[in-house]
Amino acid sequence: MFFKQYRFPYIGWQCILRFIPRFIFISNINIQGFKNIFFSVSSGCYSQVIEVYKDLNLIGIRLSSGVKKILHEETIVTLGRNNNIFQKYSILGSYS
């Protein structure tokens, strides 16, 4: 299991959704097989694992807006909330 192999999982680690226990904050949810489908990517967004369907290989998550989604357990996620702490320093489209 993910948390037994690594004793201290750090915020910002990417892992497969199957190894995450219930009620942990996750972000940057990337659905495998589809290039443009992402959830919880904006600043301050998060999701939580709320249900695990082991017989169907599905996991239910709740987005920060309260919407519930059911995803495959092989979905790649990032542990923790999405901060974007350096977003105020980025300047897009500037030429100097």
C-alpha atoms as a PDB file:
ATOM      1  CA  MET A   1       0.000   0.000   0.000  1.00  0.00           C
ATOM      2  CA  PHE A   2       1.161   3.536  -0.736  1.00  0.00           C
ATOM      3  CA  PHE A   3       1.209   4.832   2.842  1.00  0.00           C
ATOM      4  CA  LYS A   4       2.929   1.739   4.245  1.00  0.00           C
ATOM      5  CA  GLN A   5       5.695   1.888   1.660  1.00  0.00           C
ATOM      6  CA  TYR A   6       6.377   5.586   2.291  1.00  0.00           C
ATOM      7  CA  ARG A   7       5.963   6.448   5.957  1.00  0.00           C
ATOM      8  CA  PHE A   8       5.409  10.177   5.489  1.00  0.00           C
ATOM      9  CA  PRO A   9       3.490  11.125   2.335  1.00  0.00           C
ATOM     10  CA  TYR A  10       4.246  14.730   1.490  1.00  0.00           C
ATOM     11  CA  ILE A  11       1.859  17.317   0.150  1.00  0.00           C
ATOM     12  CA  GLY A  12       2.427  17.715  -3.567  1.00  0.00           C
ATOM     13  CA  TRP A  13       3.196  14.067  -4.310  1.00  0.00           C
ATOM     14  CA  GLN A  14       1.394  12.572  -7.280  1.00  0.00           C
ATOM     15  CA  CYS A  15      -0.020   9.100  -6.865  1.00  0.00           C
ATOM     16  CA  ILE A  16      -2.798   6.832  -8.067  1.00  0.00           C
ATOM     17  CA  LEU A  17      -6.220   7.392  -6.537  1.00  0.00           C
ATOM     18  CA  ARG A  18      -6.469   3.740  -5.461  1.00  0.00           C
ATOM     19  CA  PHE A  19      -3.828   4.196  -2.731  1.00  0.00           C
ATOM     20  CA  ILE A  20      -5.418   7.217  -1.055  1.00  0.00           C
ATOM     21  CA  PRO A  21      -7.550   6.641   2.063  1.00  0.00           C
ATOM     22  CA  ARG A  22     -10.916   8.331   2.559  1.00  0.00           C
ATOM     23  CA  PHE A  23     -11.253  12.018   3.521  1.00  0.00           C
ATOM     24  CA  ILE A  24      -7.794  13.114   2.324  1.00  0.00           C
ATOM     25  CA  PHE A  25      -7.594  16.402   0.378  1.00  0.00           C
ATOM     26  CA  ILE A  26      -6.491  15.905  -3.246  1.00  0.00           C
ATOM     27  CA  SER A  27      -6.178  18.198  -6.270  1.00  0.00           C
ATOM     28  CA  ASN A  28      -5.078  18.191  -9.944  1.00  0.00           C
ATOM     29  CA  ILE A  29      -7.185  15.183 -10.872  1.00  0.00           C
ATOM     30  CA  ASN A  30      -6.148  13.919 -14.322  1.00  0.00           C
ATOM     31  CA  ILE A  31      -8.359  11.271 -15.916  1.00  0.00           C
ATOM     32  CA  GLN A  32      -6.253   8.739 -17.848  1.00  0.00           C
ATOM     33  CA  GLY A  33      -7.033   8.314 -21.529  1.00  0.00           C
ATOM     34  CA  PHE A  34      -8.511  11.797 -21.918  1.00  0.00           C
ATOM     35  CA  LYS A  35      -6.032  14.634 -22.446  1.00  0.00           C
ATOM     36  CA  ASN A  36      -8.216  17.622 -21.599  1.00  0.00           C
ATOM     37  CA  ILE A  37     -10.216  16.431 -18.572  1.00  0.00           C
ATOM     38  CA  PHE A  38      -8.951  17.853 -15.274  1.00  0.00           C
ATOM     39  CA  PHE A  39     -10.667  18.554 -11.961  1.00  0.00           C
ATOM     40  CA  SER A  40      -9.600  20.758  -9.005  1.00  0.00           C
ATOM     41  CA  VAL A  41      -6.907  22.708 -10.853  1.00  0.00           C
ATOM     42  CA  SER A  42      -7.678  26.335  -9.856  1.00  0.00           C
ATOM     43  CA  SER A  43      -6.196  28.111  -6.820  1.00  0.00           C
ATOM     44  CA  GLY A  44      -7.667  26.917  -3.539  1.00  0.00           C
ATOM     45  CA  CYS A  45      -9.576  24.007  -5.073  1.00  0.00           C
ATOM     46  CA  TYR A  46      -9.572  20.570  -3.543  1.00  0.00           C
ATOM     47  CA  SER A  47     -11.478  17.289  -3.594  1.00  0.00           C
ATOM     48  CA  GLN A  48     -12.023  14.478  -1.111  1.00  0.00           C
ATOM     49  CA  VAL A  49     -12.330  10.731  -1.496  1.00  0.00           C
ATOM     50  CA  ILE A  50     -15.718   9.852  -0.004  1.00  0.00           C
ATOM     51  CA  GLU A  51     -16.555   6.347  -1.278  1.00  0.00           C
ATOM     52  CA  VAL A  52     -14.600   3.323  -2.475  1.00  0.00           C
ATOM     53  CA  TYR A  53     -16.232   0.682  -4.678  1.00  0.00           C
ATOM     54  CA  LYS A  54     -13.649  -2.124  -4.641  1.00  0.00           C
ATOM     55  CA  ASP A  55     -15.751  -4.590  -6.628  1.00  0.00           C
ATOM     56  CA  LEU A  56     -16.210  -2.091  -9.497  1.00  0.00           C
ATOM     57  CA  ASN A  57     -12.711  -0.493  -9.320  1.00  0.00           C
ATOM     58  CA  LEU A  58     -14.331   2.931  -8.889  1.00  0.00           C
ATOM     59  CA  ILE A  59     -13.853   5.703  -6.348  1.00  0.00           C
ATOM     60  CA  GLY A  60     -16.324   8.441  -5.479  1.00  0.00           C
ATOM     61  CA  ILE A  61     -14.956  11.945  -4.861  1.00  0.00           C
ATOM     62  CA  ARG A  62     -16.550  15.211  -3.775  1.00  0.00           C
ATOM     63  CA  LEU A  63     -15.280  18.397  -5.441  1.00  0.00           C
ATOM     64  CA  SER A  64     -14.943  21.667  -3.505  1.00  0.00           C
ATOM     65  CA  SER A  65     -18.192  22.862  -5.132  1.00  0.00           C
ATOM     66  CA  GLY A  66     -20.061  19.909  -3.579  1.00  0.00           C
ATOM     67  CA  VAL A  67     -20.480  18.001  -6.850  1.00  0.00           C
ATOM     68  CA  LYS A  68     -19.899  14.258  -6.527  1.00  0.00           C
ATOM     69  CA  LYS A  69     -18.014  12.383  -9.264  1.00  0.00           C
ATOM     70  CA  ILE A  70     -17.200   8.704  -9.692  1.00  0.00           C
ATOM     71  CA  LEU A  71     -13.768   8.000 -11.199  1.00  0.00           C
ATOM     72  CA  HIS A  72     -11.667   4.970 -12.063  1.00  0.00           C
ATOM     73  CA  GLU A  73      -9.142   3.981  -9.417  1.00  0.00           C
ATOM     74  CA  GLU A  74      -6.181   4.432 -11.816  1.00  0.00           C
ATOM     75  CA  THR A  75      -6.698   8.206 -11.966  1.00  0.00           C
ATOM     76  CA  ILE A  76      -3.586  10.259 -11.126  1.00  0.00           C
ATOM     77  CA  VAL A  77      -4.019  12.897  -8.395  1.00  0.00           C
ATOM     78  CA  THR A  78      -1.868  15.235  -6.299  1.00  0.00           C
ATOM     79  CA  LEU A  79      -2.016  15.177  -2.501  1.00  0.00           C
ATOM     80  CA  GLY A  80      -3.144  18.394  -0.791  1.00  0.00           C
ATOM     81  CA  ARG A  81      -4.923  21.580  -1.857  1.00  0.00           C
ATOM     82  CA  ASN A  82      -3.905  23.548  -4.915  1.00  0.00           C
ATOM     83  CA  ASN A  83      -2.135  26.740  -3.788  1.00  0.00           C
ATOM     84  CA  ASN A  84      -0.474  28.408  -6.789  1.00  0.00           C
ATOM     85  CA  ILE A  85       1.544  30.537  -4.359  1.00  0.00           C
ATOM     86  CA  PHE A  86       3.714  32.001  -7.125  1.00  0.00           C
ATOM     87  CA  GLN A  87       0.785  32.929  -9.363  1.00  0.00           C
ATOM     88  CA  LYS A  88       0.993  36.617  -8.406  1.00  0.00           C
ATOM     89  CA  TYR A  89       4.573  36.744  -9.744  1.00  0.00           C
ATOM     90  CA  SER A  90       3.774  35.304 -13.180  1.00  0.00           C
ATOM     91  CA  ILE A  91       3.202  37.766 -16.021  1.00  0.00           C
ATOM     92  CA  LEU A  92       1.619  36.335 -19.143  1.00  0.00           C
ATOM     93  CA  GLY A  93       1.932  37.936 -22.559  1.00  0.00           C
ATOM     94  CA  SER A  94       4.466  40.540 -21.468  1.00  0.00           C
ATOM     95  CA  TYR A  95       7.429  41.558 -23.608  1.00  0.00           C
ATOM     96  CA  SER A  96      10.148  43.761 -22.197  1.00  0.00           C
END
